[in-house]
């Protein structure tokens, strides 16, 4: 593909010096430099996310079944509160 690109003078000089030093065409040096720079910017591929489980344990005195009871009580209170507000609004 042909395209027009305006290079900064220092970039052009570095590319031309590299082309002369390595005895490669300017176009090839430019393409390799662009590929190298673009590859360096790509974020590393994200590996598989794993959660490492570890025993947390509960402090003495906490009953794990109590958490479910507490959640049920909070849900029931919220339901009753919502029902009360709806009844008041309908009057």
PDB file of N, CA and C in Angstrom:
ATOM      1  N   UNK A   1       0.843  -1.171   0.000  1.00  0.00           N
ATOM      2  CA  UNK A   1       0.000   0.000   0.000  1.00  0.00           C
ATOM      3  C   UNK A   1       0.887   1.232   0.000  1.00  0.00           C
ATOM      4  N   UNK A   2       0.495   2.183  -0.779  1.00  0.00           N
ATOM      5  CA  UNK A   2       1.239   3.434  -0.834  1.00  0.00           C
ATOM      6  C   UNK A   2       0.508   4.479  -0.009  1.00  0.00           C
ATOM      7  N   UNK A   3       1.287   5.214   0.763  1.00  0.00           N
ATOM      8  CA  UNK A   3       0.705   6.313   1.533  1.00  0.00           C
ATOM      9  C   UNK A   3       1.776   7.367   1.752  1.00  0.00           C
ATOM     10  N   UNK A   4       1.339   8.572   2.052  1.00  0.00           N
ATOM     11  CA  UNK A   4       2.276   9.662   2.311  1.00  0.00           C
ATOM     12  C   UNK A   4       2.310   9.910   3.809  1.00  0.00           C
ATOM     13  N   UNK A   5       3.520   9.906   4.344  1.00  0.00           N
ATOM     14  CA  UNK A   5       3.716  10.136   5.772  1.00  0.00           C
ATOM     15  C   UNK A   5       4.759  11.235   5.923  1.00  0.00           C
ATOM     16  N   UNK A   6       4.486  12.169   6.813  1.00  0.00           N
ATOM     17  CA  UNK A   6       5.463  13.212   7.087  1.00  0.00           C
ATOM     18  C   UNK A   6       6.245  12.812   8.333  1.00  0.00           C
ATOM     19  N   UNK A   7       7.529  12.591   8.132  1.00  0.00           N
ATOM     20  CA  UNK A   7       8.400  12.191   9.233  1.00  0.00           C
ATOM     21  C   UNK A   7       9.091  13.416   9.816  1.00  0.00           C
ATOM     22  N   UNK A   8       9.298  13.388  11.113  1.00  0.00           N
ATOM     23  CA  UNK A   8      10.110  14.429  11.725  1.00  0.00           C
ATOM     24  C   UNK A   8      11.534  14.258  11.207  1.00  0.00           C
ATOM     25  N   UNK A   9      12.275  15.373  11.066  1.00  0.00           N
ATOM     26  CA  UNK A   9      13.632  15.292  10.513  1.00  0.00           C
ATOM     27  C   UNK A   9      14.546  14.319  11.262  1.00  0.00           C
ATOM     28  N   UNK A  10      14.449  14.291  12.604  1.00  0.00           N
ATOM     29  CA  UNK A  10      15.330  13.398  13.363  1.00  0.00           C
ATOM     30  C   UNK A  10      14.970  11.933  13.125  1.00  0.00           C
ATOM     31  N   UNK A  11      13.678  11.645  12.942  1.00  0.00           N
ATOM     32  CA  UNK A  11      13.251  10.264  12.687  1.00  0.00           C
ATOM     33  C   UNK A  11      13.741   9.822  11.313  1.00  0.00           C
ATOM     34  N   UNK A  12      13.590  10.719  10.328  1.00  0.00           N
ATOM     35  CA  UNK A  12      14.063  10.384   8.981  1.00  0.00           C
ATOM     36  C   UNK A  12      15.564  10.119   8.991  1.00  0.00           C
ATOM     37  N   UNK A  13      16.299  10.938   9.696  1.00  0.00           N
ATOM     38  CA  UNK A  13      17.751  10.771   9.731  1.00  0.00           C
ATOM     39  C   UNK A  13      18.127   9.432  10.376  1.00  0.00           C
ATOM     40  N   UNK A  14      17.456   9.082  11.474  1.00  0.00           N
ATOM     41  CA  UNK A  14      17.750   7.800  12.134  1.00  0.00           C
ATOM     42  C   UNK A  14      17.439   6.623  11.225  1.00  0.00           C
ATOM     43  N   UNK A  15      16.316   6.718  10.500  1.00  0.00           N
ATOM     44  CA  UNK A  15      15.959   5.642   9.570  1.00  0.00           C
ATOM     45  C   UNK A  15      16.989   5.525   8.444  1.00  0.00           C
ATOM     46  N   UNK A  16      17.375   6.678   7.873  1.00  0.00           N
ATOM     47  CA  UNK A  16      18.366   6.652   6.777  1.00  0.00           C
ATOM     48  C   UNK A  16      19.719   6.114   7.269  1.00  0.00           C
ATOM     49  N   UNK A  17      20.133   6.515   8.459  1.00  0.00           N
ATOM     50  CA  UNK A  17      21.398   6.009   9.011  1.00  0.00           C
ATOM     51  C   UNK A  17      21.333   4.501   9.234  1.00  0.00           C
ATOM     52  N   UNK A  18      20.212   4.025   9.733  1.00  0.00           N
ATOM     53  CA  UNK A  18      20.039   2.585   9.954  1.00  0.00           C
ATOM     54  C   UNK A  18      20.054   1.844   8.633  1.00  0.00           C
ATOM     55  N   UNK A  19      19.395   2.417   7.631  1.00  0.00           N
ATOM     56  CA  UNK A  19      19.370   1.783   6.303  1.00  0.00           C
ATOM     57  C   UNK A  19      20.786   1.703   5.720  1.00  0.00           C
ATOM     58  N   UNK A  20      21.557   2.766   5.859  1.00  0.00           N
ATOM     59  CA  UNK A  20      22.930   2.758   5.352  1.00  0.00           C
ATOM     60  C   UNK A  20      23.806   1.781   6.128  1.00  0.00           C
ATOM     61  N   UNK A  21      23.694   1.824   7.440  1.00  0.00           N
ATOM     62  CA  UNK A  21      24.522   0.972   8.285  1.00  0.00           C
ATOM     63  C   UNK A  21      24.245  -0.503   8.058  1.00  0.00           C
ATOM     64  N   UNK A  22      22.972  -0.848   7.897  1.00  0.00           N
ATOM     65  CA  UNK A  22      22.599  -2.261   7.742  1.00  0.00           C
ATOM     66  C   UNK A  22      22.498  -2.698   6.283  1.00  0.00           C
ATOM     67  N   UNK A  23      22.659  -1.721   5.377  1.00  0.00           N
ATOM     68  CA  UNK A  23      22.581  -1.992   3.932  1.00  0.00           C
ATOM     69  C   UNK A  23      21.240  -2.631   3.546  1.00  0.00           C
ATOM     70  N   UNK A  24      20.217  -2.042   4.095  1.00  0.00           N
ATOM     71  CA  UNK A  24      18.856  -2.478   3.763  1.00  0.00           C
ATOM     72  C   UNK A  24      18.100  -1.287   3.192  1.00  0.00           C
ATOM     73  N   UNK A  25      17.082  -1.542   2.384  1.00  0.00           N
ATOM     74  CA  UNK A  25      16.308  -0.426   1.826  1.00  0.00           C
ATOM     75  C   UNK A  25      15.590   0.371   2.913  1.00  0.00           C
ATOM     76  N   UNK A  26      15.448   1.665   2.651  1.00  0.00           N
ATOM     77  CA  UNK A  26      14.782   2.569   3.591  1.00  0.00           C
ATOM     78  C   UNK A  26      13.386   2.058   3.936  1.00  0.00           C
ATOM     79  N   UNK A  27      12.642   1.620   2.909  1.00  0.00           N
ATOM     80  CA  UNK A  27      11.277   1.138   3.109  1.00  0.00           C
ATOM     81  C   UNK A  27      11.245  -0.036   4.085  1.00  0.00           C
ATOM     82  N   UNK A  28      12.194  -0.939   3.952  1.00  0.00           N
ATOM     83  CA  UNK A  28      12.242  -2.113   4.828  1.00  0.00           C
ATOM     84  C   UNK A  28      12.559  -1.709   6.269  1.00  0.00           C
ATOM     85  N   UNK A  29      13.503  -0.803   6.422  1.00  0.00           N
ATOM     86  CA  UNK A  29      13.872  -0.319   7.759  1.00  0.00           C
ATOM     87  C   UNK A  29      12.675   0.378   8.412  1.00  0.00           C
ATOM     88  N   UNK A  30      11.963   1.192   7.625  1.00  0.00           N
ATOM     89  CA  UNK A  30      10.794   1.897   8.150  1.00  0.00           C
ATOM     90  C   UNK A  30       9.718   0.906   8.594  1.00  0.00           C
ATOM     91  N   UNK A  31       9.402  -0.073   7.750  1.00  0.00           N
ATOM     92  CA  UNK A  31       8.379  -1.061   8.106  1.00  0.00           C
ATOM     93  C   UNK A  31       8.772  -1.870   9.337  1.00  0.00           C
ATOM     94  N   UNK A  32      10.027  -2.260   9.427  1.00  0.00           N
ATOM     95  CA  UNK A  32      10.484  -3.032  10.594  1.00  0.00           C
ATOM     96  C   UNK A  32      10.406  -2.199  11.871  1.00  0.00           C
ATOM     97  N   UNK A  33      10.759  -0.923  11.758  1.00  0.00           N
ATOM     98  CA  UNK A  33      10.699  -0.041  12.932  1.00  0.00           C
ATOM     99  C   UNK A  33       9.251   0.142  13.389  1.00  0.00           C
ATOM    100  N   UNK A  34       8.339   0.311  12.440  1.00  0.00           N
ATOM    101  CA  UNK A  34       6.927   0.459  12.799  1.00  0.00           C
ATOM    102  C   UNK A  34       6.388  -0.816  13.431  1.00  0.00           C
ATOM    103  N   UNK A  35       6.709  -1.965  12.841  1.00  0.00           N
ATOM    104  CA  UNK A  35       6.246  -3.237  13.408  1.00  0.00           C
ATOM    105  C   UNK A  35       6.763  -3.419  14.836  1.00  0.00           C
ATOM    106  N   UNK A  36       8.028  -3.135  15.020  1.00  0.00           N
ATOM    107  CA  UNK A  36       8.642  -3.298  16.332  1.00  0.00           C
ATOM    108  C   UNK A  36       7.971  -2.392  17.372  1.00  0.00           C
ATOM    109  N   UNK A  37       7.733  -1.153  16.998  1.00  0.00           N
ATOM    110  CA  UNK A  37       7.100  -0.210  17.930  1.00  0.00           C
ATOM    111  C   UNK A  37       5.663  -0.617  18.232  1.00  0.00           C
ATOM    112  N   UNK A  38       4.931  -1.057  17.222  1.00  0.00           N
ATOM    113  CA  UNK A  38       3.543  -1.459  17.438  1.00  0.00           C
ATOM    114  C   UNK A  38       3.458  -2.735  18.268  1.00  0.00           C
ATOM    115  N   UNK A  39       4.357  -3.676  18.048  1.00  0.00           N
ATOM    116  CA  UNK A  39       4.361  -4.909  18.834  1.00  0.00           C
ATOM    117  C   UNK A  39       4.653  -4.622  20.304  1.00  0.00           C
ATOM    118  N   UNK A  40       5.511  -3.635  20.552  1.00  0.00           N
ATOM    119  CA  UNK A  40       5.882  -3.302  21.924  1.00  0.00           C
ATOM    120  C   UNK A  40       4.715  -2.671  22.672  1.00  0.00           C
ATOM    121  N   UNK A  41       3.761  -2.076  21.948  1.00  0.00           N
ATOM    122  CA  UNK A  41       2.628  -1.410  22.591  1.00  0.00           C
ATOM    123  C   UNK A  41       1.493  -2.365  22.895  1.00  0.00           C
ATOM    124  N   UNK A  42       1.475  -3.547  22.288  1.00  0.00           N
ATOM    125  CA  UNK A  42       0.387  -4.485  22.524  1.00  0.00           C
ATOM    126  C   UNK A  42       0.451  -5.001  23.953  1.00  0.00           C
ATOM    127  N   UNK A  43      -0.690  -4.950  24.648  1.00  0.00           N
ATOM    128  CA  UNK A  43      -0.686  -5.458  26.017  1.00  0.00           C
ATOM    129  C   UNK A  43      -0.487  -6.963  25.999  1.00  0.00           C
ATOM    130  N   UNK A  44       0.148  -7.495  27.014  1.00  0.00           N
ATOM    131  CA  UNK A  44       0.333  -8.942  27.050  1.00  0.00           C
ATOM    132  C   UNK A  44      -1.017  -9.632  27.103  1.00  0.00           C
ATOM    133  N   UNK A  45      -1.092 -10.762  26.449  1.00  0.00           N
ATOM    134  CA  UNK A  45      -2.377 -11.468  26.426  1.00  0.00           C
ATOM    135  C   UNK A  45      -2.735 -11.877  27.847  1.00  0.00           C
ATOM    136  N   UNK A  46      -3.973 -11.610  28.178  1.00  0.00           N
ATOM    137  CA  UNK A  46      -4.443 -11.933  29.521  1.00  0.00           C
ATOM    138  C   UNK A  46      -4.637 -13.435  29.640  1.00  0.00           C
ATOM    139  N   UNK A  47      -3.991 -13.989  30.590  1.00  0.00           N
ATOM    140  CA  UNK A  47      -4.141 -15.423  30.834  1.00  0.00           C
ATOM    141  C   UNK A  47      -5.465 -15.703  31.510  1.00  0.00           C
ATOM    142  N   UNK A  48      -5.697 -16.933  31.748  1.00  0.00           N
ATOM    143  CA  UNK A  48      -6.935 -17.350  32.392  1.00  0.00           C
ATOM    144  C   UNK A  48      -6.930 -16.856  33.839  1.00  0.00           C
ATOM    145  N   UNK A  49      -8.030 -16.264  34.255  1.00  0.00           N
ATOM    146  CA  UNK A  49      -8.145 -15.746  35.606  1.00  0.00           C
ATOM    147  C   UNK A  49      -8.559 -16.878  36.535  1.00  0.00           C
ATOM    148  N   UNK A  50      -7.803 -17.063  37.571  1.00  0.00           N
ATOM    149  CA  UNK A  50      -8.124 -18.112  38.529  1.00  0.00           C
ATOM    150  C   UNK A  50      -8.220 -17.520  39.927  1.00  0.00           C
ATOM    151  N   UNK A  51      -9.217 -17.966  40.645  1.00  0.00           N
ATOM    152  CA  UNK A  51      -9.373 -17.563  42.042  1.00  0.00           C
ATOM    153  C   UNK A  51      -8.815 -18.690  42.891  1.00  0.00           C
ATOM    154  N   UNK A  52      -7.894 -18.339  43.735  1.00  0.00           N
ATOM    155  CA  UNK A  52      -7.306 -19.346  44.610  1.00  0.00           C
ATOM    156  C   UNK A  52      -8.051 -19.319  45.936  1.00  0.00           C
ATOM    157  N   UNK A  53      -8.783 -20.376  46.173  1.00  0.00           N
ATOM    158  CA  UNK A  53      -9.581 -20.462  47.395  1.00  0.00           C
ATOM    159  C   UNK A  53      -8.686 -20.811  48.576  1.00  0.00           C
ATOM    160  N   UNK A  54      -9.037 -20.275  49.701  1.00  0.00           N
ATOM    161  CA  UNK A  54      -8.324 -20.636  50.918  1.00  0.00           C
ATOM    162  C   UNK A  54      -9.326 -20.622  52.063  1.00  0.00           C
ATOM    163  N   UNK A  55      -9.117 -21.439  53.044  1.00  0.00           N
ATOM    164  CA  UNK A  55     -10.079 -21.493  54.148  1.00  0.00           C
ATOM    165  C   UNK A  55     -10.034 -20.188  54.932  1.00  0.00           C
ATOM    166  N   UNK A  56     -11.193 -19.611  55.130  1.00  0.00           N
ATOM    167  CA  UNK A  56     -11.260 -18.348  55.852  1.00  0.00           C
ATOM    168  C   UNK A  56     -11.596 -18.574  57.321  1.00  0.00           C
ATOM    169  N   UNK A  57     -12.430 -19.574  57.566  1.00  0.00           N
ATOM    170  CA  UNK A  57     -12.806 -19.839  58.950  1.00  0.00           C
ATOM    171  C   UNK A  57     -13.627 -18.703  59.533  1.00  0.00           C
ATOM    172  N   UNK A  58     -14.398 -18.999  60.503  1.00  0.00           N
ATOM    173  CA  UNK A  58     -15.187 -17.985  61.184  1.00  0.00           C
ATOM    174  C   UNK A  58     -14.649 -17.790  62.590  1.00  0.00           C
ATOM    175  N   UNK A  59     -14.839 -16.603  63.082  1.00  0.00           N
ATOM    176  CA  UNK A  59     -14.421 -16.347  64.454  1.00  0.00           C
ATOM    177  C   UNK A  59     -15.299 -17.158  65.394  1.00  0.00           C
ATOM    178  N   UNK A  60     -14.749 -17.459  66.508  1.00  0.00           N
ATOM    179  CA  UNK A  60     -15.511 -18.215  67.511  1.00  0.00           C
ATOM    180  C   UNK A  60     -16.770 -17.444  67.868  1.00  0.00           C
ATOM    181  N   UNK A  61     -17.874 -18.159  67.980  1.00  0.00           N
ATOM    182  CA  UNK A  61     -19.132 -17.531  68.360  1.00  0.00           C
ATOM    183  C   UNK A  61     -20.041 -17.209  67.185  1.00  0.00           C
ATOM    184  N   UNK A  62     -19.541 -17.293  65.938  1.00  0.00           N
ATOM    185  CA  UNK A  62     -20.373 -17.048  64.766  1.00  0.00           C
ATOM    186  C   UNK A  62     -20.977 -18.356  64.300  1.00  0.00           C
ATOM    187  N   UNK A  63     -22.274 -18.352  64.094  1.00  0.00           N
ATOM    188  CA  UNK A  63     -22.978 -19.528  63.603  1.00  0.00           C
ATOM    189  C   UNK A  63     -23.261 -19.310  62.113  1.00  0.00           C
ATOM    190  N   UNK A  64     -22.685 -20.119  61.218  1.00  0.00           N
ATOM    191  CA  UNK A  64     -22.883 -19.891  59.781  1.00  0.00           C
ATOM    192  C   UNK A  64     -24.347 -19.964  59.359  1.00  0.00           C
ATOM    193  N   UNK A  65     -25.153 -20.746  60.037  1.00  0.00           N
ATOM    194  CA  UNK A  65     -26.572 -20.815  59.680  1.00  0.00           C
ATOM    195  C   UNK A  65     -27.292 -19.539  60.073  1.00  0.00           C
ATOM    196  N   UNK A  66     -26.724 -18.806  60.993  1.00  0.00           N
ATOM    197  CA  UNK A  66     -27.316 -17.548  61.418  1.00  0.00           C
ATOM    198  C   UNK A  66     -27.304 -16.498  60.314  1.00  0.00           C
ATOM    199  N   UNK A  67     -26.323 -16.578  59.432  1.00  0.00           N
ATOM    200  CA  UNK A  67     -26.250 -15.619  58.323  1.00  0.00           C
ATOM    201  C   UNK A  67     -27.457 -15.764  57.408  1.00  0.00           C
ATOM    202  N   UNK A  68     -27.859 -16.990  57.137  1.00  0.00           N
ATOM    203  CA  UNK A  68     -29.048 -17.215  56.302  1.00  0.00           C
ATOM    204  C   UNK A  68     -30.296 -16.695  56.992  1.00  0.00           C
ATOM    205  N   UNK A  69     -30.395 -16.926  58.290  1.00  0.00           N
ATOM    206  CA  UNK A  69     -31.545 -16.422  59.050  1.00  0.00           C
ATOM    207  C   UNK A  69     -31.582 -14.902  59.001  1.00  0.00           C
ATOM    208  N   UNK A  70     -30.427 -14.283  59.174  1.00  0.00           N
ATOM    209  CA  UNK A  70     -30.348 -12.826  59.133  1.00  0.00           C
ATOM    210  C   UNK A  70     -30.768 -12.304  57.762  1.00  0.00           C
ATOM    211  N   UNK A  71     -30.283 -12.934  56.696  1.00  0.00           N
ATOM    212  CA  UNK A  71     -30.661 -12.523  55.345  1.00  0.00           C
ATOM    213  C   UNK A  71     -32.166 -12.659  55.140  1.00  0.00           C
ATOM    214  N   UNK A  72     -32.740 -13.747  55.626  1.00  0.00           N
ATOM    215  CA  UNK A  72     -34.190 -13.958  55.509  1.00  0.00           C
ATOM    216  C   UNK A  72     -34.961 -12.880  56.265  1.00  0.00           C
ATOM    217  N   UNK A  73     -34.505 -12.538  57.462  1.00  0.00           N
ATOM    218  CA  UNK A  73     -35.183 -11.523  58.261  1.00  0.00           C
ATOM    219  C   UNK A  73     -35.119 -10.160  57.574  1.00  0.00           C
ATOM    220  N   UNK A  74     -33.952  -9.815  57.033  1.00  0.00           N
ATOM    221  CA  UNK A  74     -33.805  -8.533  56.345  1.00  0.00           C
ATOM    222  C   UNK A  74     -34.694  -8.471  55.107  1.00  0.00           C
ATOM    223  N   UNK A  75     -34.759  -9.574  54.374  1.00  0.00           N
ATOM    224  CA  UNK A  75     -35.604  -9.631  53.185  1.00  0.00           C
ATOM    225  C   UNK A  75     -37.082  -9.488  53.567  1.00  0.00           C
ATOM    226  N   UNK A  76     -37.499 -10.155  54.637  1.00  0.00           N
ATOM    227  CA  UNK A  76     -38.889 -10.064  55.090  1.00  0.00           C
ATOM    228  C   UNK A  76     -39.219  -8.644  55.530  1.00  0.00           C
ATOM    229  N   UNK A  77     -38.301  -7.981  56.252  1.00  0.00           N
ATOM    230  CA  UNK A  77     -38.520  -6.597  56.683  1.00  0.00           C
ATOM    231  C   UNK A  77     -38.652  -5.669  55.485  1.00  0.00           C
ATOM    232  N   UNK A  78     -37.812  -5.860  54.485  1.00  0.00           N
ATOM    233  CA  UNK A  78     -37.864  -5.019  53.291  1.00  0.00           C
ATOM    234  C   UNK A  78     -39.179  -5.223  52.548  1.00  0.00           C
ATOM    235  N   UNK A  79     -39.641  -6.473  52.473  1.00  0.00           N
ATOM    236  CA  UNK A  79     -40.912  -6.769  51.812  1.00  0.00           C
ATOM    237  C   UNK A  79     -42.061  -6.104  52.540  1.00  0.00           C
ATOM    238  N   UNK A  80     -42.075  -6.210  53.875  1.00  0.00           N
ATOM    239  CA  UNK A  80     -43.142  -5.601  54.662  1.00  0.00           C
ATOM    240  C   UNK A  80     -43.144  -4.084  54.516  1.00  0.00           C
ATOM    241  N   UNK A  81     -41.966  -3.493  54.497  1.00  0.00           N
ATOM    242  CA  UNK A  81     -41.852  -2.043  54.340  1.00  0.00           C
ATOM    243  C   UNK A  81     -42.373  -1.605  52.970  1.00  0.00           C
ATOM    244  N   UNK A  82     -42.020  -2.329  51.929  1.00  0.00           N
ATOM    245  CA  UNK A  82     -42.487  -2.015  50.579  1.00  0.00           C
ATOM    246  C   UNK A  82     -44.001  -2.169  50.491  1.00  0.00           C
ATOM    247  N   UNK A  83     -44.527  -3.228  51.072  1.00  0.00           N
ATOM    248  CA  UNK A  83     -45.977  -3.465  51.068  1.00  0.00           C
ATOM    249  C   UNK A  83     -46.704  -2.351  51.799  1.00  0.00           C
ATOM    250  N   UNK A  84     -46.172  -1.924  52.960  1.00  0.00           N
ATOM    251  CA  UNK A  84     -46.777  -0.840  53.732  1.00  0.00           C
ATOM    252  C   UNK A  84     -46.809   0.452  52.918  1.00  0.00           C
ATOM    253  N   UNK A  85     -45.705   0.778  52.218  1.00  0.00           N
ATOM    254  CA  UNK A  85     -45.647   2.003  51.418  1.00  0.00           C
ATOM    255  C   UNK A  85     -46.645   1.947  50.262  1.00  0.00           C
ATOM    256  N   UNK A  86     -46.794   0.784  49.644  1.00  0.00           N
ATOM    257  CA  UNK A  86     -47.750   0.643  48.543  1.00  0.00           C
ATOM    258  C   UNK A  86     -49.177   0.789  49.022  1.00  0.00           C
ATOM    259  N   UNK A  87     -49.476   0.250  50.202  1.00  0.00           N
ATOM    260  CA  UNK A  87     -50.825   0.365  50.750  1.00  0.00           C
ATOM    261  C   UNK A  87     -51.145   1.819  51.089  1.00  0.00           C
ATOM    262  N   UNK A  88     -50.154   2.530  51.641  1.00  0.00           N
ATOM    263  CA  UNK A  88     -50.370   3.942  51.975  1.00  0.00           C
ATOM    264  C   UNK A  88     -50.567   4.767  50.718  1.00  0.00           C
ATOM    265  N   UNK A  89     -49.832   4.443  49.669  1.00  0.00           N
ATOM    266  CA  UNK A  89     -49.922   5.198  48.423  1.00  0.00           C
ATOM    267  C   UNK A  89     -51.252   4.962  47.723  1.00  0.00           C
ATOM    268  N   UNK A  90     -51.843   3.784  47.915  1.00  0.00           N
ATOM    269  CA  UNK A  90     -53.095   3.473  47.235  1.00  0.00           C
ATOM    270  C   UNK A  90     -54.314   4.065  47.946  1.00  0.00           C
ATOM    271  N   UNK A  91     -54.159   4.592  49.138  1.00  0.00           N
ATOM    272  CA  UNK A  91     -55.281   5.181  49.899  1.00  0.00           C
ATOM    273  C   UNK A  91     -55.605   6.559  49.444  1.00  0.00           C
TER     274      UNK A  91
END
